[in-house]
Amino acid sequence: MDFSVTGNWLGVAFIGIVALVLGLIFIVRALFAGKSSQSLSSKYQSGPEKSVLDVRNKYPEVDVFQLSSTFFNFGLMVAIGLTVLAFSWTTYEKVVNIPTGALEFDEEIEIEPPRTAEPPPPPPPPPPPVIQEVPEELIEEDQQVDFTDQSIEEETVVEAPKVEAAPPPPPPPPPPQPKVEEIFKVVEDMPRFPGCEDESNKDDRKKCAEQKMLEYIYKNIKYPAIARENGVEGTVVITFVVEKDGAITDARIARDIGAQCGQEALRVVDDMPKWVPGKQRGRAVRVQFNLPVKFKLE
């Protein structure tokens, strides 16, 4: 027999059993209190003598031990009932309402890919050297040459030539710019939401990942109050980059419908777990992903 009880019904049943036990206690106390001790004393005043073993209590009518078997059976029944309810306690997953065609675009939109750092332009070629004509100098043949006596004696003081300090070394070249990886739009294995690695077929993994992604989005998204009050509906498009390690980066709103719907969709995307990265020729690459999020009032 399939018998299931939700947590709310289990709480109601527990409260009802506690109230029943307390009510039974008050009723029994009221019944015993209603019997007058004076009437009982006059009833047993002129009665025959009995031994102590025959009459354990002074007045048998108010002997609480005569109901012990009844209370024992009642407690046993309550314990069995609580045990059955506890084993029948069933928790149900919250039903996620996914709009029809959640991954379909209403219209084609052109999304600008994230810009990568372009290499700097090559330096301009150096200017051609300028050749200047040097006029020939006339050398006088009769020019007299002066001879200077450079002999050194013991008393001659020789001064050491002054050594000029060497110029400082040139500064080191700047470090090379970090290499920016190319961002792909379409690859052989597109990135997907985690949780479907057990599927053997590629198409089955894709369908399973899309379903889990939609369940995650529409389970965590909250319809903005201002959009609900003004009846705002439509599709928000979030574009982001799935890195080589599966992390979500550069998430931004590509198309918004206003009323804080774009910010709410962006919040859900930023809180996503790491994806399974996309692959091109067997190696993980960076891939741009465009995700539509539909807002529809029920």
Protein backbone atom coordinates (compact mmCIF):
# COMPACT_ATOMS: atom_id res chain seq x y z
CA MET A 1 0.00 0.00 0.00
CA ASP A 2 1.41 3.37 -1.04
CA PHE A 3 0.84 5.70 1.90
CA SER A 4 2.65 9.03 1.93
CA VAL A 5 2.34 12.00 4.28
CA THR A 6 3.77 15.45 3.77
CA GLY A 7 5.55 17.37 6.49
CA ASN A 8 2.58 19.67 7.08
CA TRP A 9 0.18 16.77 7.62
CA LEU A 10 2.68 15.09 9.94
CA GLY A 11 2.88 18.24 12.04
CA VAL A 12 -0.92 18.51 12.18
CA ALA A 13 -1.22 14.86 13.24
CA PHE A 14 1.38 15.27 15.98
CA ILE A 15 -0.35 18.37 17.36
CA GLY A 16 -3.71 16.55 17.25
CA ILE A 17 -2.33 13.55 19.18
CA VAL A 18 -0.78 15.81 21.83
CA ALA A 19 -4.08 17.69 22.19
CA LEU A 20 -5.96 14.36 22.49
CA VAL A 21 -3.63 13.12 25.25
CA LEU A 22 -3.90 16.37 27.20
CA GLY A 23 -7.70 16.35 26.83
CA LEU A 24 -7.89 12.76 28.06
CA ILE A 25 -5.80 13.63 31.10
CA PHE A 26 -8.05 16.55 32.03
CA ILE A 27 -11.21 14.44 31.53
CA VAL A 28 -9.96 11.64 33.80
CA ARG A 29 -8.88 14.14 36.43
CA ALA A 30 -12.30 15.77 36.29
CA LEU A 31 -14.05 12.39 36.71
CA PHE A 32 -12.02 11.47 39.75
CA ALA A 33 -12.37 14.91 41.23
CA GLY A 34 -16.16 14.75 40.78
CA LYS A 35 -16.49 11.90 43.21
CA SER A 36 -17.02 13.29 46.66
CA SER A 37 -14.74 11.97 49.36
CA GLN A 38 -17.58 12.43 51.94
CA SER A 39 -19.95 10.10 50.10
CA LEU A 40 -17.24 7.49 49.78
CA SER A 41 -16.34 7.71 53.46
CA SER A 42 -19.98 7.24 54.54
CA LYS A 43 -20.32 4.33 52.11
CA TYR A 44 -17.41 2.37 53.57
CA GLN A 45 -17.86 3.45 57.22
CA SER A 46 -20.22 0.62 58.23
CA GLY A 47 -18.94 -1.97 55.78
CA PRO A 48 -17.48 -5.32 56.70
CA GLU A 49 -13.89 -5.56 57.75
CA LYS A 50 -11.45 -6.43 54.91
CA SER A 51 -7.79 -7.24 54.98
CA VAL A 52 -5.15 -4.92 53.69
CA LEU A 53 -4.40 -7.29 50.81
CA ASP A 54 -8.00 -7.18 49.60
CA VAL A 55 -8.26 -3.40 49.64
CA ARG A 56 -5.11 -1.66 48.55
CA ASN A 57 -6.75 1.74 48.53
CA LYS A 58 -9.04 3.36 50.96
CA TYR A 59 -11.66 3.91 48.22
CA PRO A 60 -11.60 1.51 45.23
CA GLU A 61 -13.80 3.83 43.12
CA VAL A 62 -10.92 6.31 42.78
CA ASP A 63 -8.21 3.72 42.20
CA VAL A 64 -6.24 5.01 39.20
CA PHE A 65 -4.47 1.70 38.72
CA GLN A 66 -7.68 0.13 37.47
CA LEU A 67 -7.26 2.12 34.22
CA SER A 68 -3.59 1.20 33.71
CA SER A 69 -4.32 -1.37 31.00
CA THR A 70 -6.52 1.11 29.13
CA PHE A 71 -3.86 3.82 29.20
CA PHE A 72 -1.17 1.30 28.20
CA ASN A 73 -3.16 0.24 25.14
CA PHE A 74 -3.85 3.86 24.27
CA GLY A 75 -0.15 4.77 24.52
CA LEU A 76 0.81 1.75 22.43
CA MET A 77 -1.69 2.76 19.76
CA VAL A 78 -0.34 6.34 19.73
CA ALA A 79 3.26 5.10 19.44
CA ILE A 80 2.41 2.80 16.54
CA GLY A 81 0.50 5.59 14.81
CA LEU A 82 3.41 8.04 15.17
CA THR A 83 5.83 5.40 13.87
CA VAL A 84 3.67 4.76 10.80
CA LEU A 85 3.40 8.50 10.13
CA ALA A 86 7.15 8.98 10.54
CA PHE A 87 7.95 6.19 8.05
CA SER A 88 5.33 7.59 5.65
CA TRP A 89 6.80 11.10 5.77
CA THR A 90 7.54 11.99 2.15
CA THR A 91 9.26 15.11 0.84
CA TYR A 92 8.42 16.30 -2.66
CA GLU A 93 10.71 18.35 -4.88
CA LYS A 94 9.45 21.77 -5.77
CA VAL A 95 7.90 21.82 -9.22
CA VAL A 96 9.84 24.25 -11.44
CA ASN A 97 7.72 26.04 -14.02
CA ILE A 98 9.80 26.31 -17.19
CA PRO A 99 8.23 28.48 -19.93
CA THR A 100 7.62 26.88 -23.31
CA GLY A 101 10.50 27.47 -25.70
CA ALA A 102 12.73 28.84 -22.96
CA LEU A 103 15.89 28.53 -25.10
CA GLU A 104 14.38 30.04 -28.25
CA PHE A 105 15.08 33.60 -29.35
CA ASP A 106 12.11 35.75 -30.31
CA GLU A 107 14.17 37.45 -32.98
CA GLU A 108 17.69 37.39 -34.27
CA ILE A 109 19.89 39.80 -32.38
CA GLU A 110 23.46 40.66 -33.16
CA ILE A 111 25.69 40.40 -30.12
CA GLU A 112 29.08 42.03 -30.25
CA PRO A 113 31.76 39.51 -29.27
CA PRO A 114 34.04 40.48 -26.39
CA ARG A 115 37.01 42.39 -27.62
CA THR A 116 40.42 40.83 -27.29
CA ALA A 117 43.60 42.84 -26.99
CA GLU A 118 44.91 43.63 -30.46
CA PRO A 119 48.70 43.51 -31.04
CA PRO A 120 50.30 46.96 -31.22
CA PRO A 121 51.09 48.26 -34.72
CA PRO A 122 54.69 47.83 -35.89
CA PRO A 123 56.94 50.84 -35.38
CA PRO A 124 57.49 53.06 -38.40
CA PRO A 125 60.68 52.43 -40.41
CA PRO A 126 63.65 54.61 -39.48
CA PRO A 127 64.32 57.56 -41.78
CA PRO A 128 67.05 57.13 -44.40
CA PRO A 129 70.46 58.41 -43.35
CA VAL A 130 71.37 61.90 -44.53
CA ILE A 131 74.73 62.10 -46.25
CA GLN A 132 76.47 65.41 -45.86
CA GLU A 133 79.24 66.48 -48.13
CA VAL A 134 82.41 67.43 -46.29
CA PRO A 135 84.58 69.95 -48.16
CA GLU A 136 88.18 69.00 -48.61
CA GLU A 137 90.55 70.97 -46.39
CA LEU A 138 93.57 72.52 -47.90
CA ILE A 139 96.76 71.36 -46.24
CA GLU A 140 99.60 73.82 -46.27
CA GLU A 141 102.78 72.16 -47.22
CA ASP A 142 104.97 74.76 -45.55
CA GLN A 143 103.25 74.42 -42.17
CA GLN A 144 105.81 74.27 -39.42
CA VAL A 145 105.59 71.55 -36.81
CA ASP A 146 106.22 72.47 -33.17
CA PHE A 147 108.12 69.84 -31.17
CA THR A 148 107.49 69.72 -27.42
CA ASP A 149 109.99 68.34 -24.98
CA GLN A 150 108.26 65.48 -23.09
CA SER A 151 111.22 64.16 -21.18
CA ILE A 152 110.64 63.33 -17.50
CA GLU A 153 113.08 63.80 -14.68
CA GLU A 154 113.00 62.67 -11.06
CA GLU A 155 111.66 65.97 -9.83
CA THR A 156 108.87 66.05 -12.40
CA VAL A 157 105.37 65.63 -10.89
CA VAL A 158 103.10 63.50 -13.01
CA GLU A 159 99.36 63.88 -12.49
CA ALA A 160 97.12 60.87 -13.04
CA PRO A 161 94.51 61.36 -15.73
CA LYS A 162 90.96 61.85 -14.53
CA VAL A 163 88.74 58.83 -15.08
CA GLU A 164 85.20 59.75 -15.91
CA ALA A 165 82.40 57.69 -14.31
CA ALA A 166 80.81 55.11 -16.57
CA PRO A 167 77.29 55.99 -17.75
CA PRO A 168 74.41 54.15 -16.01
CA PRO A 169 73.16 51.00 -17.72
CA PRO A 170 70.03 51.34 -19.84
CA PRO A 171 66.69 50.40 -18.19
CA PRO A 172 65.46 46.83 -18.70
CA PRO A 173 62.92 46.30 -21.48
CA PRO A 174 59.23 46.20 -20.44
CA PRO A 175 57.75 42.74 -19.75
CA PRO A 176 55.92 41.16 -22.67
CA GLN A 177 52.18 41.56 -22.80
CA PRO A 178 50.20 38.51 -21.58
CA LYS A 179 48.89 36.42 -24.41
CA VAL A 180 45.13 36.75 -24.78
CA GLU A 181 43.40 33.52 -25.73
CA GLU A 182 40.99 33.59 -28.64
CA ILE A 183 37.27 33.44 -27.80
CA PHE A 184 35.28 31.06 -29.99
CA LYS A 185 31.59 31.29 -30.84
CA VAL A 186 31.12 27.78 -32.20
CA VAL A 187 33.28 24.78 -31.31
CA GLU A 188 33.10 21.04 -31.83
CA ASP A 189 31.96 20.39 -28.23
CA MET A 190 29.97 23.36 -26.93
CA PRO A 191 30.13 24.09 -23.17
CA ARG A 192 27.27 22.70 -21.12
CA PHE A 193 25.76 22.85 -17.65
CA PRO A 194 27.23 20.25 -15.23
CA GLY A 195 25.44 17.18 -13.94
CA CYS A 196 24.99 14.98 -17.01
CA GLU A 197 28.41 13.31 -17.27
CA ASP A 198 26.85 9.85 -16.84
CA GLU A 199 25.06 10.05 -20.19
CA SER A 200 26.93 8.08 -22.85
CA ASN A 201 25.43 9.73 -25.93
CA LYS A 202 26.44 13.27 -26.90
CA ASP A 203 22.88 14.31 -27.81
CA ASP A 204 21.54 12.89 -24.54
CA ARG A 205 24.14 14.83 -22.58
CA LYS A 206 23.15 18.02 -24.40
CA LYS A 207 19.42 17.57 -23.69
CA CYS A 208 20.06 16.63 -20.07
CA ALA A 209 22.35 19.65 -19.56
CA GLU A 210 19.79 22.02 -21.08
CA GLN A 211 17.06 20.62 -18.81
CA LYS A 212 19.21 20.94 -15.68
CA MET A 213 20.23 24.46 -16.65
CA LEU A 214 16.61 25.53 -17.12
CA GLU A 215 15.63 23.94 -13.80
CA TYR A 216 18.45 25.82 -12.07
CA ILE A 217 17.53 29.16 -13.67
CA TYR A 218 13.78 29.08 -13.04
CA LYS A 219 14.22 27.61 -9.55
CA ASN A 220 16.49 30.44 -8.41
CA ILE A 221 15.11 33.37 -10.39
CA LYS A 222 12.74 35.77 -8.67
CA TYR A 223 10.30 37.82 -10.71
CA PRO A 224 11.01 41.49 -9.88
CA ALA A 225 8.14 43.12 -8.01
CA ILE A 226 8.14 46.20 -10.24
CA ALA A 227 7.92 43.99 -13.34
CA ARG A 228 5.07 41.98 -11.83
CA GLU A 229 3.12 45.09 -10.88
CA ASN A 230 3.49 46.61 -14.36
CA GLY A 231 2.92 43.37 -16.27
CA VAL A 232 6.35 43.37 -17.91
CA GLU A 233 7.05 40.19 -19.89
CA GLY A 234 9.67 39.24 -22.46
CA THR A 235 13.05 37.66 -23.02
CA VAL A 236 16.33 38.86 -21.55
CA VAL A 237 19.55 37.74 -23.24
CA ILE A 238 22.69 37.29 -21.15
CA THR A 239 26.03 36.76 -22.87
CA PHE A 240 29.05 35.39 -21.03
CA VAL A 241 32.31 33.53 -21.64
CA VAL A 242 32.91 29.98 -20.43
CA GLU A 243 36.61 29.76 -19.58
CA LYS A 244 38.86 26.75 -20.11
CA ASP A 245 38.26 25.66 -16.52
CA GLY A 246 34.46 26.09 -16.81
CA ALA A 247 34.25 29.38 -14.88
CA ILE A 248 31.71 32.04 -15.97
CA THR A 249 33.33 35.38 -16.79
CA ASP A 250 32.46 38.64 -18.57
CA ALA A 251 28.71 38.15 -18.00
CA ARG A 252 26.67 41.10 -19.23
CA ILE A 253 23.20 41.97 -20.45
CA ALA A 254 22.94 41.82 -24.24
CA ARG A 255 19.20 42.60 -24.37
CA ASP A 256 16.97 43.86 -21.58
CA ILE A 257 13.22 44.36 -21.19
CA GLY A 258 13.52 46.75 -18.25
CA ALA A 259 11.90 46.68 -14.80
CA GLN A 260 15.04 45.07 -13.26
CA CYS A 261 14.53 41.83 -15.20
CA GLY A 262 17.98 42.01 -16.79
CA GLN A 263 19.70 42.52 -13.42
CA GLU A 264 17.84 39.52 -11.96
CA ALA A 265 18.83 37.26 -14.85
CA LEU A 266 22.42 38.47 -14.60
CA ARG A 267 22.44 37.65 -10.86
CA VAL A 268 21.36 34.07 -11.52
CA VAL A 269 24.02 33.62 -14.21
CA ASP A 270 26.76 35.00 -11.95
CA ASP A 271 25.81 32.47 -9.24
CA MET A 272 25.97 29.48 -11.61
CA PRO A 273 28.41 26.66 -10.81
CA LYS A 274 31.32 25.88 -13.11
CA TRP A 275 30.31 24.46 -16.49
CA VAL A 276 31.90 21.70 -18.52
CA PRO A 277 34.20 23.72 -20.81
CA GLY A 278 33.94 23.67 -24.58
CA LYS A 279 36.51 21.79 -26.63
CA GLN A 280 38.03 22.36 -30.03
CA ARG A 281 40.17 19.55 -31.48
CA GLY A 282 40.29 17.85 -28.11
CA ARG A 283 41.54 20.80 -26.04
CA ALA A 284 39.57 23.15 -23.80
CA VAL A 285 39.02 26.66 -25.21
CA ARG A 286 37.18 29.84 -24.26
CA VAL A 287 33.67 29.97 -25.71
CA GLN A 288 31.10 32.76 -25.80
CA PHE A 289 27.60 31.63 -24.81
CA ASN A 290 24.32 33.51 -25.29
CA LEU A 291 21.55 32.55 -22.85
CA PRO A 292 17.90 33.69 -23.23
CA VAL A 293 15.88 34.02 -20.01
CA LYS A 294 12.11 34.35 -20.38
CA PHE A 295 9.96 36.30 -17.95
CA LYS A 296 6.30 35.31 -18.18
CA LEU A 297 3.54 36.06 -15.68
CA GLU A 298 1.28 33.18 -14.72
